[in-house]
């Protein structure tokens, strides 16, 4: 997927020295429009209008945009070949040098994450406010220092594809019915949200 998270993931991967290719079901014209001004236009191999098995299965790692479901064909094809499948949050986390405060919940995520960032800034800390709030996590990780703090808003979609992600502080604000167009039922939605605590110690 080549939305904001996909573009940021592609840029991070290229900065890390990877050869990057992107598969998106949108038309080539739309994909090229998304890339305009990013500097990636001529650096990526692009598959548009569809996902194909061969394109996915010749990859070393697949990084999912949050809009791609965990049961989507590209995920299935990658797993059939034993290719690691990471979400954008997980991918960025692996290169983050500093503490993360992650906030999820059905309502109030943006407000709470912003307030946390502002309190920390007022206390003299250097804070990166990002995630589901609009600026992808992977856009920032290579610019962070160990003394910085990330205030990260995370959605259930982003939590579906974490493996090792372990914020220093994990906040689950509240829970009510939502996103049942994506999750099969409330239990699956809750389970996705609760993954924010999965690796806590």
Protein backbone atom coordinates (compact mmCIF):
# COMPACT_ATOMS: atom_id res chain seq x y z
CA UNK A 1 0.00 0.00 0.00
CA UNK A 2 1.27 3.45 -0.87
CA UNK A 3 -0.51 5.83 1.48
CA UNK A 4 1.39 8.00 3.96
CA UNK A 5 2.62 4.99 5.97
CA UNK A 6 3.65 3.10 2.84
CA UNK A 7 5.64 6.04 1.50
CA UNK A 8 7.34 6.58 4.87
CA UNK A 9 8.18 2.85 5.11
CA UNK A 10 9.62 2.89 1.59
CA UNK A 11 11.76 5.92 2.43
CA UNK A 12 13.01 4.30 5.64
CA UNK A 13 13.84 1.05 3.83
CA UNK A 14 15.76 2.95 1.15
CA UNK A 15 17.69 4.92 3.79
CA UNK A 16 18.64 1.56 5.29
CA UNK A 17 20.02 0.45 1.91
CA UNK A 18 17.19 -1.81 0.77
CA UNK A 19 15.93 -2.26 -2.76
CA UNK A 20 12.28 -1.28 -2.44
CA UNK A 21 9.28 -2.27 -4.50
CA UNK A 22 5.67 -1.35 -3.90
CA UNK A 23 2.44 -3.18 -4.68
CA UNK A 24 -0.81 -1.20 -4.61
CA UNK A 25 -4.25 -1.99 -6.05
CA UNK A 26 -4.70 1.65 -7.09
CA UNK A 27 -4.09 2.68 -10.71
CA UNK A 28 -0.58 3.62 -11.83
CA UNK A 29 -1.75 7.21 -12.26
CA UNK A 30 -2.98 7.35 -8.66
CA UNK A 31 0.19 5.69 -7.34
CA UNK A 32 2.37 8.14 -9.25
CA UNK A 33 0.25 10.99 -7.86
CA UNK A 34 0.89 9.70 -4.32
CA UNK A 35 4.63 9.66 -5.00
CA UNK A 36 4.80 13.15 -6.48
CA UNK A 37 7.30 15.28 -4.60
CA UNK A 38 8.64 12.43 -2.43
CA UNK A 39 11.80 11.84 -4.44
CA UNK A 40 10.83 8.17 -4.78
CA UNK A 41 9.24 8.37 -8.23
CA UNK A 42 12.22 6.88 -10.07
CA UNK A 43 13.64 4.78 -7.25
CA UNK A 44 10.88 2.22 -6.76
CA UNK A 45 9.70 -0.80 -8.67
CA UNK A 46 5.92 -0.39 -8.74
CA UNK A 47 3.15 -2.92 -9.25
CA UNK A 48 -0.20 -1.14 -9.62
CA UNK A 49 -3.82 -2.10 -10.17
CA UNK A 50 -3.37 -5.47 -8.47
CA UNK A 51 -1.17 -7.60 -6.24
CA UNK A 52 0.55 -10.60 -7.82
CA UNK A 53 1.99 -13.64 -6.11
CA UNK A 54 5.32 -13.50 -7.96
CA UNK A 55 5.87 -9.84 -7.01
CA UNK A 56 5.24 -10.55 -3.32
CA UNK A 57 7.11 -13.85 -3.12
CA UNK A 58 10.38 -12.48 -4.48
CA UNK A 59 10.71 -10.17 -1.44
CA UNK A 60 12.85 -10.56 1.68
CA UNK A 61 10.41 -8.66 3.92
CA UNK A 62 6.86 -7.40 3.38
CA UNK A 63 5.85 -4.19 5.18
CA UNK A 64 2.09 -3.64 5.40
CA UNK A 65 0.29 -0.35 5.36
CA UNK A 66 -2.37 -0.17 8.11
CA UNK A 67 -5.15 -0.30 5.51
CA UNK A 68 -4.10 -3.81 4.40
CA UNK A 69 -5.96 -6.57 6.23
CA UNK A 70 -4.03 -9.36 7.95
CA UNK A 71 -5.90 -11.91 5.81
CA UNK A 72 -5.18 -10.14 2.48
CA UNK A 73 -3.72 -12.27 -0.31
CA UNK A 74 -0.26 -10.58 -0.26
CA UNK A 75 0.04 -11.52 3.43
CA UNK A 76 -0.99 -15.10 2.73
CA UNK A 77 1.44 -15.37 -0.20
CA UNK A 78 4.31 -13.99 1.88
CA UNK A 79 3.62 -16.36 4.77
CA UNK A 80 3.45 -19.32 2.39
CA UNK A 81 7.07 -18.56 1.44
CA UNK A 82 8.16 -17.85 5.03
CA UNK A 83 8.71 -14.15 4.28
CA UNK A 84 8.43 -11.95 7.40
CA UNK A 85 5.39 -9.66 7.34
CA UNK A 86 5.73 -6.48 9.43
CA UNK A 87 3.37 -3.59 9.95
CA UNK A 88 4.69 -0.05 9.60
CA UNK A 89 4.76 0.42 13.40
CA UNK A 90 6.75 -2.80 13.90
CA UNK A 91 9.14 -1.92 11.07
CA UNK A 92 9.83 1.55 12.50
CA UNK A 93 10.09 0.24 16.08
CA UNK A 94 13.05 -1.95 15.14
CA UNK A 95 15.09 1.19 14.36
CA UNK A 96 13.82 3.45 17.14
CA UNK A 97 16.61 4.40 19.62
CA UNK A 98 14.44 6.00 22.31
CA UNK A 99 11.50 5.45 24.65
CA UNK A 100 7.99 5.31 23.21
CA UNK A 101 4.72 6.24 24.90
CA UNK A 102 1.96 4.56 22.86
CA UNK A 103 -1.71 5.47 23.15
CA UNK A 104 -4.70 3.53 21.82
CA UNK A 105 -8.43 3.44 22.49
CA UNK A 106 -11.64 3.94 20.58
CA UNK A 107 -11.94 7.65 21.37
CA UNK A 108 -9.57 10.38 22.57
CA UNK A 109 -6.32 9.00 21.19
CA UNK A 110 -5.26 12.12 19.34
CA UNK A 111 -6.09 14.47 22.21
CA UNK A 112 -4.35 12.33 24.81
CA UNK A 113 -1.25 11.72 22.70
CA UNK A 114 -0.99 15.44 21.96
CA UNK A 115 -1.40 16.41 25.63
CA UNK A 116 1.31 13.91 26.64
CA UNK A 117 3.65 15.41 24.02
CA UNK A 118 2.94 18.96 25.16
CA UNK A 119 3.51 18.11 28.85
CA UNK A 120 6.85 16.50 28.01
CA UNK A 121 7.87 19.46 25.85
CA UNK A 122 6.98 21.84 28.70
CA UNK A 123 9.24 19.74 30.92
CA UNK A 124 12.11 20.36 28.51
CA UNK A 125 12.12 17.01 26.70
CA UNK A 126 12.53 16.59 22.95
CA UNK A 127 9.34 14.84 21.80
CA UNK A 128 8.33 13.34 18.47
CA UNK A 129 4.52 13.28 18.06
CA UNK A 130 3.58 10.76 15.38
CA UNK A 131 1.75 7.58 14.38
CA UNK A 132 -1.94 7.41 13.57
CA UNK A 133 -2.06 11.13 14.40
CA UNK A 134 -0.90 11.90 10.86
CA UNK A 135 2.88 11.66 10.66
CA UNK A 136 4.08 8.03 10.26
CA UNK A 137 6.45 6.61 12.90
CA UNK A 138 8.83 5.32 10.23
CA UNK A 139 9.30 8.86 8.91
CA UNK A 140 11.09 9.88 12.11
CA UNK A 141 13.05 6.96 13.60
CA UNK A 142 16.38 7.62 11.90
CA UNK A 143 16.34 11.23 13.14
CA UNK A 144 15.73 10.40 16.81
CA UNK A 145 18.30 10.35 19.62
CA UNK A 146 18.35 8.06 22.64
CA UNK A 147 17.30 10.95 24.90
CA UNK A 148 14.18 11.74 22.84
CA UNK A 149 10.67 10.46 23.53
CA UNK A 150 8.09 9.36 20.99
CA UNK A 151 4.43 10.08 21.72
CA UNK A 152 2.78 7.58 19.40
CA UNK A 153 -0.90 7.22 18.58
CA UNK A 154 -1.70 3.66 17.48
CA UNK A 155 -4.85 2.17 15.97
CA UNK A 156 -6.20 -1.37 16.09
CA UNK A 157 -5.17 -1.76 12.44
CA UNK A 158 -1.58 -0.91 13.32
CA UNK A 159 -1.56 -3.23 16.34
CA UNK A 160 -2.64 -6.25 14.27
CA UNK A 161 0.82 -6.58 12.74
CA UNK A 162 3.23 -6.01 15.63
CA UNK A 163 5.64 -8.68 16.88
CA UNK A 164 8.29 -7.13 19.15
CA UNK A 165 6.85 -3.63 19.63
CA UNK A 166 7.12 -2.76 23.33
CA UNK A 167 6.53 0.84 24.33
CA UNK A 168 7.98 2.13 27.61
CA UNK A 169 4.42 3.23 28.49
CA UNK A 170 1.30 1.72 26.91
CA UNK A 171 -2.06 3.47 27.34
CA UNK A 172 -5.46 1.94 26.47
CA UNK A 173 -7.97 4.74 26.99
CA UNK A 174 -11.38 3.20 26.40
CA UNK A 175 -13.26 0.70 24.28
CA UNK A 176 -16.55 0.82 22.40
CA UNK A 177 -17.99 -0.56 19.18
CA UNK A 178 -16.08 0.58 16.10
CA UNK A 179 -14.37 -0.63 12.91
CA UNK A 180 -16.64 -3.66 12.51
CA UNK A 181 -16.26 -3.20 8.75
CA UNK A 182 -12.67 -4.39 9.28
CA UNK A 183 -12.86 -6.60 12.39
CA UNK A 184 -15.23 -9.57 12.31
CA UNK A 185 -16.60 -8.82 15.78
CA UNK A 186 -16.00 -6.80 18.95
CA UNK A 187 -13.77 -9.49 20.42
CA UNK A 188 -11.38 -9.33 17.46
CA UNK A 189 -11.34 -5.52 17.66
CA UNK A 190 -10.59 -5.63 21.40
CA UNK A 191 -7.88 -8.26 20.91
CA UNK A 192 -6.17 -6.06 18.30
CA UNK A 193 -6.24 -3.06 20.65
CA UNK A 194 -4.99 -5.10 23.62
CA UNK A 195 -1.89 -6.15 21.65
CA UNK A 196 -0.41 -2.84 22.80
CA UNK A 197 0.39 -4.71 26.07
CA UNK A 198 1.55 -7.93 24.36
CA UNK A 199 5.27 -7.49 25.00
CA UNK A 200 5.15 -5.46 28.21
CA UNK A 201 7.24 -6.65 31.16
